[in-house]
Amino acid sequence: MKLAIFCGSNHGHSRIYSEAAAALGRALADQGITLVFGGTSRGLMKIVADAACSRGGTVHGIVPQVLVDKGQLYDKLAVSEVVASRADRKIRMAAVADGFIAMPGGLGTVEELVEMWVNAQFDGHRKPLGLYNIGGFYDRFLQFLDTMVAEGFLPSQQRSMLIVASEPKLLLDGLRNHRPVQVSKWM
């Protein structure tokens, strides 16, 4: 199994994010899951990759050329792909990965998760989507999604596509046990 992890290129203000990133990286390696990520040596991305590597895990990086030019290529990649742009990176991550997890991060992290979710709606990919909700980071986002359902803009079946957990084992178990949802986008 290969899981794409979307996460911050920063660390955040609380140590809980770094600690949780390391826990996820270790869990991926311990379960023989290949980490597919943005391939850089910054922030939570580096922490999750370092933790996976420390346990003998396989790390597959897909990084835009502009970040390679800035010296941000992670140096322990088993597989290294350099692409032209962020858009190309997302396309390759979607093609390579068997599922996706978003950790705390900024706009890019949320955008990557939502794009994979929208792709599942329109293109019908059947890959699981996970949200690693560390310290309640995504609680307000989840409330917003519930508002979309309540107001008739998101089918509840599509809302349930998102597997949410605050512990790596529970999240990975949820992704492994994922049953694809096929429902029309239109209500």
N, C-alpha and C. Protein backbone atom coordinates (compact mmCIF):
# COMPACT_ATOMS: atom_id res chain seq x y z
N MET A 1 0.85 -1.19 0.00
CA MET A 1 0.00 0.00 0.00
C MET A 1 0.88 1.24 0.00
N LYS A 2 0.44 2.26 -0.73
CA LYS A 2 1.13 3.54 -0.78
C LYS A 2 0.13 4.62 -0.40
N LEU A 3 0.50 5.44 0.59
CA LEU A 3 -0.38 6.52 1.02
C LEU A 3 0.30 7.86 0.82
N ALA A 4 -0.42 8.77 0.18
CA ALA A 4 0.06 10.14 0.02
C ALA A 4 -0.31 10.92 1.27
N ILE A 5 0.66 11.60 1.82
CA ILE A 5 0.45 12.42 3.01
C ILE A 5 0.57 13.88 2.60
N PHE A 6 -0.47 14.64 2.88
CA PHE A 6 -0.47 16.08 2.66
C PHE A 6 -0.30 16.73 4.03
N CYS A 7 0.71 17.58 4.17
CA CYS A 7 0.94 18.21 5.47
C CYS A 7 1.75 19.48 5.30
N GLY A 8 1.91 20.18 6.40
CA GLY A 8 2.56 21.47 6.38
C GLY A 8 4.04 21.42 6.07
N SER A 9 4.50 22.41 5.35
CA SER A 9 5.93 22.60 5.14
C SER A 9 6.51 23.43 6.28
N ASN A 10 5.66 23.76 7.24
CA ASN A 10 6.06 24.38 8.49
C ASN A 10 5.76 23.39 9.61
N HIS A 11 6.18 23.73 10.83
CA HIS A 11 5.99 22.84 11.97
C HIS A 11 4.74 23.15 12.79
N GLY A 12 4.22 24.37 12.66
CA GLY A 12 3.13 24.80 13.53
C GLY A 12 3.70 25.25 14.87
N HIS A 13 2.87 25.86 15.70
CA HIS A 13 3.34 26.40 16.97
C HIS A 13 3.43 25.38 18.09
N SER A 14 2.69 24.29 17.98
CA SER A 14 2.67 23.30 19.06
C SER A 14 3.48 22.06 18.69
N ARG A 15 4.16 21.52 19.68
CA ARG A 15 4.94 20.29 19.46
C ARG A 15 4.06 19.09 19.14
N ILE A 16 2.77 19.17 19.46
CA ILE A 16 1.91 18.01 19.19
C ILE A 16 1.88 17.66 17.71
N TYR A 17 2.04 18.65 16.83
CA TYR A 17 2.02 18.39 15.39
C TYR A 17 3.25 17.59 14.96
N SER A 18 4.41 18.01 15.45
CA SER A 18 5.64 17.28 15.13
C SER A 18 5.63 15.87 15.71
N GLU A 19 5.16 15.76 16.94
CA GLU A 19 5.09 14.44 17.58
C GLU A 19 4.13 13.52 16.84
N ALA A 20 3.00 14.06 16.41
CA ALA A 20 2.02 13.25 15.68
C ALA A 20 2.53 12.88 14.29
N ALA A 21 3.26 13.80 13.65
CA ALA A 21 3.84 13.50 12.34
C ALA A 21 4.82 12.34 12.46
N ALA A 22 5.65 12.37 13.49
CA ALA A 22 6.61 11.28 13.72
C ALA A 22 5.88 9.98 14.00
N ALA A 23 4.82 10.03 14.79
CA ALA A 23 4.05 8.82 15.09
C ALA A 23 3.45 8.23 13.82
N LEU A 24 2.95 9.07 12.94
CA LEU A 24 2.38 8.58 11.68
C LEU A 24 3.47 7.97 10.81
N GLY A 25 4.61 8.63 10.70
CA GLY A 25 5.71 8.08 9.90
C GLY A 25 6.14 6.71 10.39
N ARG A 26 6.25 6.56 11.71
CA ARG A 26 6.62 5.25 12.29
C ARG A 26 5.55 4.20 12.00
N ALA A 27 4.29 4.60 12.14
CA ALA A 27 3.19 3.65 11.90
C ALA A 27 3.16 3.20 10.45
N LEU A 28 3.41 4.11 9.52
CA LEU A 28 3.46 3.73 8.10
C LEU A 28 4.53 2.68 7.87
N ALA A 29 5.74 2.96 8.39
CA ALA A 29 6.84 2.02 8.20
C ALA A 29 6.55 0.68 8.87
N ASP A 30 6.04 0.72 10.09
CA ASP A 30 5.75 -0.52 10.83
C ASP A 30 4.72 -1.39 10.11
N GLN A 31 3.82 -0.75 9.37
CA GLN A 31 2.79 -1.50 8.65
C GLN A 31 3.16 -1.77 7.19
N GLY A 32 4.40 -1.43 6.82
CA GLY A 32 4.85 -1.69 5.46
C GLY A 32 4.19 -0.84 4.40
N ILE A 33 3.72 0.34 4.79
CA ILE A 33 3.05 1.27 3.88
C ILE A 33 4.07 2.28 3.37
N THR A 34 4.16 2.43 2.07
CA THR A 34 5.05 3.41 1.46
C THR A 34 4.49 4.81 1.65
N LEU A 35 5.32 5.71 2.13
CA LEU A 35 4.97 7.12 2.26
C LEU A 35 5.21 7.81 0.93
N VAL A 36 4.17 8.41 0.38
CA VAL A 36 4.28 9.26 -0.80
C VAL A 36 4.03 10.67 -0.31
N PHE A 37 4.97 11.57 -0.57
CA PHE A 37 4.80 12.94 -0.05
C PHE A 37 5.47 13.93 -0.96
N GLY A 38 5.40 15.21 -0.58
CA GLY A 38 5.90 16.30 -1.40
C GLY A 38 7.39 16.36 -1.60
N GLY A 39 8.14 15.46 -0.97
CA GLY A 39 9.56 15.28 -1.25
C GLY A 39 10.50 16.35 -0.76
N THR A 40 10.06 17.19 0.18
CA THR A 40 10.94 18.26 0.62
C THR A 40 11.49 18.00 2.03
N SER A 41 12.47 18.78 2.36
CA SER A 41 13.16 18.66 3.65
C SER A 41 12.70 19.75 4.62
N ARG A 42 11.42 20.06 4.61
CA ARG A 42 10.89 21.15 5.43
C ARG A 42 9.69 20.68 6.25
N GLY A 43 9.54 21.26 7.42
CA GLY A 43 8.34 21.15 8.24
C GLY A 43 7.91 19.74 8.58
N LEU A 44 6.59 19.56 8.66
CA LEU A 44 6.03 18.26 9.01
C LEU A 44 6.35 17.22 7.95
N MET A 45 6.52 17.67 6.71
CA MET A 45 6.89 16.72 5.64
C MET A 45 8.19 16.01 5.99
N LYS A 46 9.18 16.74 6.43
CA LYS A 46 10.46 16.14 6.78
C LYS A 46 10.32 15.23 8.00
N ILE A 47 9.54 15.65 8.97
CA ILE A 47 9.39 14.86 10.20
C ILE A 47 8.75 13.51 9.92
N VAL A 48 7.67 13.51 9.14
CA VAL A 48 7.01 12.23 8.84
C VAL A 48 7.93 11.33 8.03
N ALA A 49 8.70 11.91 7.10
CA ALA A 49 9.64 11.12 6.30
C ALA A 49 10.79 10.59 7.15
N ASP A 50 11.35 11.44 8.00
CA ASP A 50 12.43 10.98 8.88
C ASP A 50 11.98 9.82 9.75
N ALA A 51 10.77 9.92 10.30
CA ALA A 51 10.26 8.86 11.18
C ALA A 51 10.05 7.57 10.40
N ALA A 52 9.52 7.67 9.19
CA ALA A 52 9.34 6.46 8.37
C ALA A 52 10.70 5.84 8.05
N CYS A 53 11.65 6.65 7.66
CA CYS A 53 12.99 6.14 7.34
C CYS A 53 13.66 5.51 8.56
N SER A 54 13.44 6.09 9.74
CA SER A 54 14.07 5.57 10.95
C SER A 54 13.62 4.15 11.28
N ARG A 55 12.49 3.75 10.75
CA ARG A 55 11.95 2.39 10.96
C ARG A 55 12.12 1.52 9.71
N GLY A 56 12.91 1.99 8.75
CA GLY A 56 13.15 1.20 7.54
C GLY A 56 12.05 1.31 6.51
N GLY A 57 11.21 2.34 6.62
CA GLY A 57 10.11 2.51 5.67
C GLY A 57 10.59 3.03 4.33
N THR A 58 9.74 2.88 3.35
CA THR A 58 10.02 3.36 1.99
C THR A 58 9.39 4.73 1.82
N VAL A 59 10.17 5.66 1.29
CA VAL A 59 9.72 7.04 1.13
C VAL A 59 9.86 7.43 -0.34
N HIS A 60 8.74 7.84 -0.91
CA HIS A 60 8.64 8.23 -2.32
C HIS A 60 8.30 9.72 -2.37
N GLY A 61 9.21 10.51 -2.88
CA GLY A 61 9.00 11.95 -2.94
C GLY A 61 8.69 12.42 -4.34
N ILE A 62 7.72 13.32 -4.43
CA ILE A 62 7.35 13.94 -5.71
C ILE A 62 7.44 15.45 -5.48
N VAL A 63 8.43 16.07 -6.06
CA VAL A 63 8.76 17.46 -5.71
C VAL A 63 8.87 18.33 -6.97
N PRO A 64 8.32 19.54 -6.92
CA PRO A 64 8.46 20.46 -8.05
C PRO A 64 9.91 20.93 -8.21
N GLN A 65 10.30 21.14 -9.44
CA GLN A 65 11.66 21.58 -9.76
C GLN A 65 12.04 22.84 -9.00
N VAL A 66 11.11 23.76 -8.81
CA VAL A 66 11.43 25.02 -8.14
C VAL A 66 11.95 24.76 -6.71
N LEU A 67 11.42 23.73 -6.04
CA LEU A 67 11.88 23.42 -4.69
C LEU A 67 13.22 22.70 -4.72
N VAL A 68 13.47 21.92 -5.73
CA VAL A 68 14.79 21.30 -5.91
C VAL A 68 15.82 22.40 -6.10
N ASP A 69 15.49 23.39 -6.92
CA ASP A 69 16.39 24.52 -7.19
C ASP A 69 16.69 25.31 -5.92
N LYS A 70 15.77 25.29 -4.95
CA LYS A 70 15.97 25.99 -3.69
C LYS A 70 16.68 25.11 -2.66
N GLY A 71 17.09 23.91 -3.05
CA GLY A 71 17.81 23.02 -2.14
C GLY A 71 16.94 22.32 -1.13
N GLN A 72 15.65 22.13 -1.43
CA GLN A 72 14.73 21.55 -0.47
C GLN A 72 14.40 20.08 -0.73
N LEU A 73 15.12 19.42 -1.61
CA LEU A 73 14.86 18.00 -1.89
C LEU A 73 15.27 17.16 -0.69
N TYR A 74 14.34 16.33 -0.21
CA TYR A 74 14.62 15.42 0.90
C TYR A 74 15.68 14.42 0.46
N ASP A 75 16.68 14.18 1.31
CA ASP A 75 17.86 13.42 0.88
C ASP A 75 17.81 11.91 1.13
N LYS A 76 16.71 11.38 1.65
CA LYS A 76 16.63 9.94 1.93
C LYS A 76 15.54 9.25 1.13
N LEU A 77 15.24 9.75 -0.04
CA LEU A 77 14.16 9.21 -0.84
C LEU A 77 14.55 7.88 -1.49
N ALA A 78 13.70 6.88 -1.36
CA ALA A 78 13.88 5.63 -2.10
C ALA A 78 13.52 5.85 -3.56
N VAL A 79 12.49 6.66 -3.79
CA VAL A 79 12.06 7.03 -5.13
C VAL A 79 11.93 8.55 -5.15
N SER A 80 12.58 9.16 -6.12
CA SER A 80 12.55 10.62 -6.25
C SER A 80 12.03 10.99 -7.63
N GLU A 81 10.95 11.75 -7.65
CA GLU A 81 10.41 12.25 -8.91
C GLU A 81 10.41 13.77 -8.86
N VAL A 82 11.02 14.38 -9.83
CA VAL A 82 11.02 15.83 -9.95
C VAL A 82 10.05 16.18 -11.07
N VAL A 83 9.09 17.04 -10.74
CA VAL A 83 8.06 17.43 -11.71
C VAL A 83 8.13 18.93 -11.94
N ALA A 84 7.41 19.40 -12.94
CA ALA A 84 7.50 20.81 -13.34
C ALA A 84 6.79 21.75 -12.37
N SER A 85 5.69 21.31 -11.75
CA SER A 85 4.88 22.24 -10.97
C SER A 85 4.14 21.53 -9.84
N ARG A 86 3.51 22.33 -8.98
CA ARG A 86 2.65 21.77 -7.92
C ARG A 86 1.49 21.00 -8.53
N ALA A 87 0.93 21.52 -9.61
CA ALA A 87 -0.18 20.82 -10.27
C ALA A 87 0.27 19.44 -10.75
N ASP A 88 1.46 19.37 -11.33
CA ASP A 88 1.99 18.08 -11.77
C ASP A 88 2.26 17.16 -10.59
N ARG A 89 2.70 17.74 -9.48
CA ARG A 89 2.95 16.94 -8.28
C ARG A 89 1.65 16.28 -7.80
N LYS A 90 0.56 17.05 -7.76
CA LYS A 90 -0.72 16.47 -7.32
C LYS A 90 -1.19 15.37 -8.26
N ILE A 91 -1.02 15.57 -9.54
CA ILE A 91 -1.42 14.55 -10.52
C ILE A 91 -0.64 13.27 -10.28
N ARG A 92 0.67 13.39 -10.08
CA ARG A 92 1.51 12.20 -9.86
C ARG A 92 1.17 11.54 -8.51
N MET A 93 0.98 12.33 -7.47
CA MET A 93 0.63 11.76 -6.17
C MET A 93 -0.69 11.00 -6.27
N ALA A 94 -1.65 11.56 -6.99
CA ALA A 94 -2.94 10.89 -7.16
C ALA A 94 -2.78 9.58 -7.92
N ALA A 95 -1.88 9.56 -8.89
CA ALA A 95 -1.68 8.35 -9.68
C ALA A 95 -0.93 7.27 -8.90
N VAL A 96 0.04 7.68 -8.11
CA VAL A 96 0.91 6.73 -7.40
C VAL A 96 0.25 6.17 -6.15
N ALA A 97 -0.51 6.99 -5.43
CA ALA A 97 -1.03 6.62 -4.11
C ALA A 97 -2.28 5.76 -4.21
N ASP A 98 -2.43 4.91 -3.19
CA ASP A 98 -3.63 4.08 -3.02
C ASP A 98 -4.64 4.77 -2.11
N GLY A 99 -4.25 5.87 -1.49
CA GLY A 99 -5.12 6.62 -0.59
C GLY A 99 -4.40 7.88 -0.14
N PHE A 100 -5.11 8.72 0.60
CA PHE A 100 -4.60 10.03 0.97
C PHE A 100 -4.90 10.36 2.43
N ILE A 101 -3.96 11.03 3.06
CA ILE A 101 -4.15 11.52 4.43
C ILE A 101 -3.72 12.98 4.46
N ALA A 102 -4.57 13.82 5.04
CA ALA A 102 -4.18 15.21 5.29
C ALA A 102 -3.92 15.37 6.78
N MET A 103 -2.78 15.93 7.10
CA MET A 103 -2.40 16.30 8.46
C MET A 103 -2.60 17.81 8.60
N PRO A 104 -2.37 18.37 9.77
CA PRO A 104 -2.40 19.82 9.87
C PRO A 104 -1.43 20.47 8.88
N GLY A 105 -1.84 21.58 8.38
CA GLY A 105 -1.04 22.31 7.42
C GLY A 105 -1.76 23.59 7.03
N GLY A 106 -1.28 24.20 6.00
CA GLY A 106 -1.85 25.45 5.54
C GLY A 106 -2.79 25.28 4.37
N LEU A 107 -2.92 26.32 3.57
CA LEU A 107 -3.84 26.30 2.44
C LEU A 107 -3.52 25.20 1.44
N GLY A 108 -2.25 24.98 1.19
CA GLY A 108 -1.85 23.94 0.24
C GLY A 108 -2.31 22.56 0.68
N THR A 109 -2.21 22.29 1.97
CA THR A 109 -2.63 20.99 2.51
C THR A 109 -4.13 20.80 2.33
N VAL A 110 -4.90 21.79 2.70
CA VAL A 110 -6.35 21.70 2.56
C VAL A 110 -6.74 21.59 1.09
N GLU A 111 -6.08 22.36 0.26
CA GLU A 111 -6.37 22.34 -1.18
C GLU A 111 -6.10 20.96 -1.76
N GLU A 112 -5.01 20.32 -1.35
CA GLU A 112 -4.68 18.99 -1.87
C GLU A 112 -5.73 17.96 -1.46
N LEU A 113 -6.13 17.98 -0.19
CA LEU A 113 -7.16 17.06 0.28
C LEU A 113 -8.47 17.29 -0.47
N VAL A 114 -8.90 18.53 -0.54
CA VAL A 114 -10.18 18.83 -1.17
C VAL A 114 -10.14 18.45 -2.65
N GLU A 115 -9.02 18.68 -3.31
CA GLU A 115 -8.94 18.30 -4.73
C GLU A 115 -9.11 16.79 -4.91
N MET A 116 -8.48 16.00 -4.04
CA MET A 116 -8.63 14.54 -4.14
C MET A 116 -10.07 14.14 -3.85
N TRP A 117 -10.72 14.85 -2.95
CA TRP A 117 -12.12 14.58 -2.61
C TRP A 117 -13.04 14.92 -3.79
N VAL A 118 -12.80 16.07 -4.39
CA VAL A 118 -13.59 16.48 -5.55
C VAL A 118 -13.35 15.50 -6.71
N ASN A 119 -12.11 15.06 -6.87
CA ASN A 119 -11.83 14.06 -7.91
C ASN A 119 -12.63 12.79 -7.68
N ALA A 120 -12.79 12.39 -6.43
CA ALA A 120 -13.59 11.20 -6.13
C ALA A 120 -15.04 11.44 -6.51
N GLN A 121 -15.53 12.65 -6.29
CA GLN A 121 -16.91 12.98 -6.66
C GLN A 121 -17.12 12.91 -8.17
N PHE A 122 -16.20 13.54 -8.91
CA PHE A 122 -16.40 13.69 -10.35
C PHE A 122 -15.79 12.56 -11.17
N ASP A 123 -14.60 12.13 -10.81
CA ASP A 123 -13.92 11.10 -11.58
C ASP A 123 -14.22 9.71 -11.06
N GLY A 124 -14.75 9.65 -9.86
CA GLY A 124 -15.13 8.37 -9.29
C GLY A 124 -13.98 7.50 -8.83
N HIS A 125 -12.80 8.09 -8.51
CA HIS A 125 -11.74 7.24 -7.96
C HIS A 125 -12.24 6.65 -6.65
N ARG A 126 -11.76 5.51 -6.31
CA ARG A 126 -12.27 4.77 -5.16
C ARG A 126 -11.26 4.69 -4.03
N LYS A 127 -10.37 5.65 -3.98
CA LYS A 127 -9.30 5.65 -2.99
C LYS A 127 -9.76 6.32 -1.70
N PRO A 128 -9.33 5.80 -0.55
CA PRO A 128 -9.77 6.39 0.73
C PRO A 128 -9.12 7.75 1.00
N LEU A 129 -9.87 8.56 1.73
CA LEU A 129 -9.44 9.90 2.12
C LEU A 129 -9.42 9.97 3.64
N GLY A 130 -8.27 10.30 4.21
CA GLY A 130 -8.15 10.38 5.66
C GLY A 130 -7.80 11.76 6.14
N LEU A 131 -8.27 12.07 7.32
CA LEU A 131 -7.97 13.35 7.96
C LEU A 131 -7.39 13.04 9.33
N TYR A 132 -6.12 13.39 9.53
CA TYR A 132 -5.42 13.16 10.79
C TYR A 132 -5.67 14.38 11.65
N ASN A 133 -6.68 14.29 12.50
CA ASN A 133 -7.18 15.45 13.25
C ASN A 133 -6.44 15.58 14.59
N ILE A 134 -5.23 16.07 14.53
CA ILE A 134 -4.35 16.18 15.68
C ILE A 134 -4.80 17.34 16.57
N GLY A 135 -5.05 17.04 17.83
CA GLY A 135 -5.42 18.08 18.79
C GLY A 135 -6.64 18.88 18.40
N GLY A 136 -7.55 18.28 17.63
CA GLY A 136 -8.75 18.99 17.20
C GLY A 136 -8.51 20.03 16.11
N PHE A 137 -7.35 19.96 15.44
CA PHE A 137 -6.98 20.95 14.43
C PHE A 137 -8.09 21.15 13.40
N TYR A 138 -8.74 20.08 12.97
CA TYR A 138 -9.74 20.16 11.91
C TYR A 138 -11.18 20.19 12.42
N ASP A 139 -11.39 20.38 13.71
CA ASP A 139 -12.76 20.35 14.25
C ASP A 139 -13.67 21.37 13.57
N ARG A 140 -13.21 22.58 13.36
CA ARG A 140 -14.05 23.61 12.74
C ARG A 140 -14.30 23.31 11.26
N PHE A 141 -13.30 22.73 10.60
CA PHE A 141 -13.47 22.30 9.21
C PHE A 141 -14.55 21.22 9.12
N LEU A 142 -14.53 20.28 10.04
CA LEU A 142 -15.54 19.22 10.07
C LEU A 142 -16.93 19.79 10.35
N GLN A 143 -17.00 20.79 11.22
CA GLN A 143 -18.29 21.47 11.47
C GLN A 143 -18.79 22.16 10.21
N PHE A 144 -17.86 22.76 9.47
CA PHE A 144 -18.22 23.42 8.22
C PHE A 144 -18.77 22.39 7.22
N LEU A 145 -18.14 21.22 7.14
CA LEU A 145 -18.64 20.17 6.26
C LEU A 145 -20.05 19.75 6.67
N ASP A 146 -20.27 19.64 7.98
CA ASP A 146 -21.60 19.27 8.47
C ASP A 146 -22.63 20.35 8.11
N THR A 147 -22.20 21.60 8.09
CA THR A 147 -23.09 22.68 7.66
C THR A 147 -23.42 22.53 6.17
N MET A 148 -22.45 22.14 5.37
CA MET A 148 -22.71 21.90 3.94
C MET A 148 -23.79 20.82 3.76
N VAL A 149 -23.70 19.77 4.56
CA VAL A 149 -24.70 18.70 4.50
C VAL A 149 -26.06 19.24 4.95
N ALA A 150 -26.09 19.91 6.10
CA ALA A 150 -27.34 20.42 6.65
C ALA A 150 -28.04 21.39 5.71
N GLU A 151 -27.26 22.17 4.97
CA GLU A 151 -27.82 23.18 4.07
C GLU A 151 -28.07 22.66 2.66
N GLY A 152 -27.81 21.35 2.43
CA GLY A 152 -28.13 20.75 1.14
C GLY A 152 -27.12 20.96 0.04
N PHE A 153 -25.86 21.21 0.40
CA PHE A 153 -24.82 21.40 -0.60
C PHE A 153 -23.86 20.22 -0.73
N LEU A 154 -23.92 19.29 0.20
CA LEU A 154 -23.04 18.12 0.19
C LEU A 154 -23.85 16.91 0.63
N PRO A 155 -23.95 15.88 -0.23
CA PRO A 155 -24.65 14.67 0.20
C PRO A 155 -23.95 14.04 1.41
N SER A 156 -24.74 13.57 2.36
CA SER A 156 -24.16 12.99 3.57
C SER A 156 -23.26 11.80 3.26
N GLN A 157 -23.57 11.06 2.19
CA GLN A 157 -22.71 9.93 1.81
C GLN A 157 -21.32 10.40 1.39
N GLN A 158 -21.26 11.56 0.75
CA GLN A 158 -19.96 12.09 0.37
C GLN A 158 -19.23 12.65 1.58
N ARG A 159 -19.95 13.20 2.52
CA ARG A 159 -19.33 13.65 3.78
C ARG A 159 -18.69 12.46 4.49
N SER A 160 -19.35 11.32 4.44
CA SER A 160 -18.85 10.13 5.13
C SER A 160 -17.65 9.50 4.43
N MET A 161 -17.29 9.99 3.26
CA MET A 161 -16.10 9.49 2.56
C MET A 161 -14.83 9.80 3.34
N LEU A 162 -14.86 10.84 4.15
CA LEU A 162 -13.68 11.30 4.87
C LEU A 162 -13.53 10.52 6.18
N ILE A 163 -12.44 9.78 6.29
CA ILE A 163 -12.14 8.99 7.48
C ILE A 163 -11.34 9.88 8.41
N VAL A 164 -11.86 10.10 9.62
CA VAL A 164 -11.24 11.04 10.56
C VAL A 164 -10.79 10.28 11.80
N ALA A 165 -9.54 10.52 12.22
CA ALA A 165 -9.02 9.93 13.46
C ALA A 165 -7.89 10.80 13.97
N SER A 166 -7.63 10.68 15.27
CA SER A 166 -6.55 11.44 15.89
C SER A 166 -5.39 10.54 16.31
N GLU A 167 -5.48 9.26 16.01
CA GLU A 167 -4.42 8.29 16.30
C GLU A 167 -4.02 7.59 15.01
N PRO A 168 -2.72 7.42 14.74
CA PRO A 168 -2.30 6.79 13.49
C PRO A 168 -2.90 5.41 13.24
N LYS A 169 -2.91 4.55 14.26
CA LYS A 169 -3.42 3.20 14.06
C LYS A 169 -4.88 3.22 13.64
N LEU A 170 -5.69 4.03 14.32
CA LEU A 170 -7.11 4.11 13.98
C LEU A 170 -7.30 4.65 12.56
N LEU A 171 -6.51 5.64 12.20
CA LEU A 171 -6.61 6.22 10.87
C LEU A 171 -6.23 5.20 9.81
N LEU A 172 -5.10 4.51 10.00
CA LEU A 172 -4.66 3.52 9.02
C LEU A 172 -5.62 2.35 8.93
N ASP A 173 -6.16 1.92 10.07
CA ASP A 173 -7.18 0.86 10.05
C ASP A 173 -8.40 1.32 9.25
N GLY A 174 -8.82 2.55 9.46
CA GLY A 174 -9.96 3.09 8.72
C GLY A 174 -9.71 3.12 7.22
N LEU A 175 -8.50 3.50 6.83
CA LEU A 175 -8.18 3.53 5.40
C LEU A 175 -8.15 2.12 4.82
N ARG A 176 -7.59 1.17 5.55
CA ARG A 176 -7.55 -0.22 5.07
C ARG A 176 -8.96 -0.81 4.93
N ASN A 177 -9.86 -0.44 5.82
CA ASN A 177 -11.22 -0.99 5.82
C ASN A 177 -12.20 -0.15 5.00
N HIS A 178 -11.69 0.81 4.29
CA HIS A 178 -12.50 1.73 3.49
C HIS A 178 -13.38 0.98 2.49
N ARG A 179 -14.63 1.38 2.43
CA ARG A 179 -15.56 0.89 1.42
C ARG A 179 -15.96 2.11 0.58
N PRO A 180 -15.63 2.09 -0.71
CA PRO A 180 -15.91 3.25 -1.56
C PRO A 180 -17.39 3.62 -1.58
N VAL A 181 -17.63 4.91 -1.67
CA VAL A 181 -18.97 5.46 -1.74
C VAL A 181 -19.20 5.90 -3.18
N GLN A 182 -20.27 5.43 -3.76
CA GLN A 182 -20.65 5.88 -5.10
C GLN A 182 -22.03 6.50 -5.00
N VAL A 183 -22.07 7.79 -5.09
CA VAL A 183 -23.34 8.51 -5.01
C VAL A 183 -23.24 9.71 -5.94
N SER A 184 -24.33 10.07 -6.53
CA SER A 184 -24.34 11.22 -7.40
C SER A 184 -23.96 12.47 -6.63
N LYS A 185 -23.21 13.34 -7.28
CA LYS A 185 -22.87 14.61 -6.67
C LYS A 185 -24.12 15.46 -6.47
N TRP A 186 -25.09 15.24 -7.34
CA TRP A 186 -26.30 16.07 -7.29
C TRP A 186 -27.36 15.41 -6.43
N MET A 187 -28.03 16.20 -5.62
CA MET A 187 -29.02 15.69 -4.67
C MET A 187 -30.41 15.67 -5.30
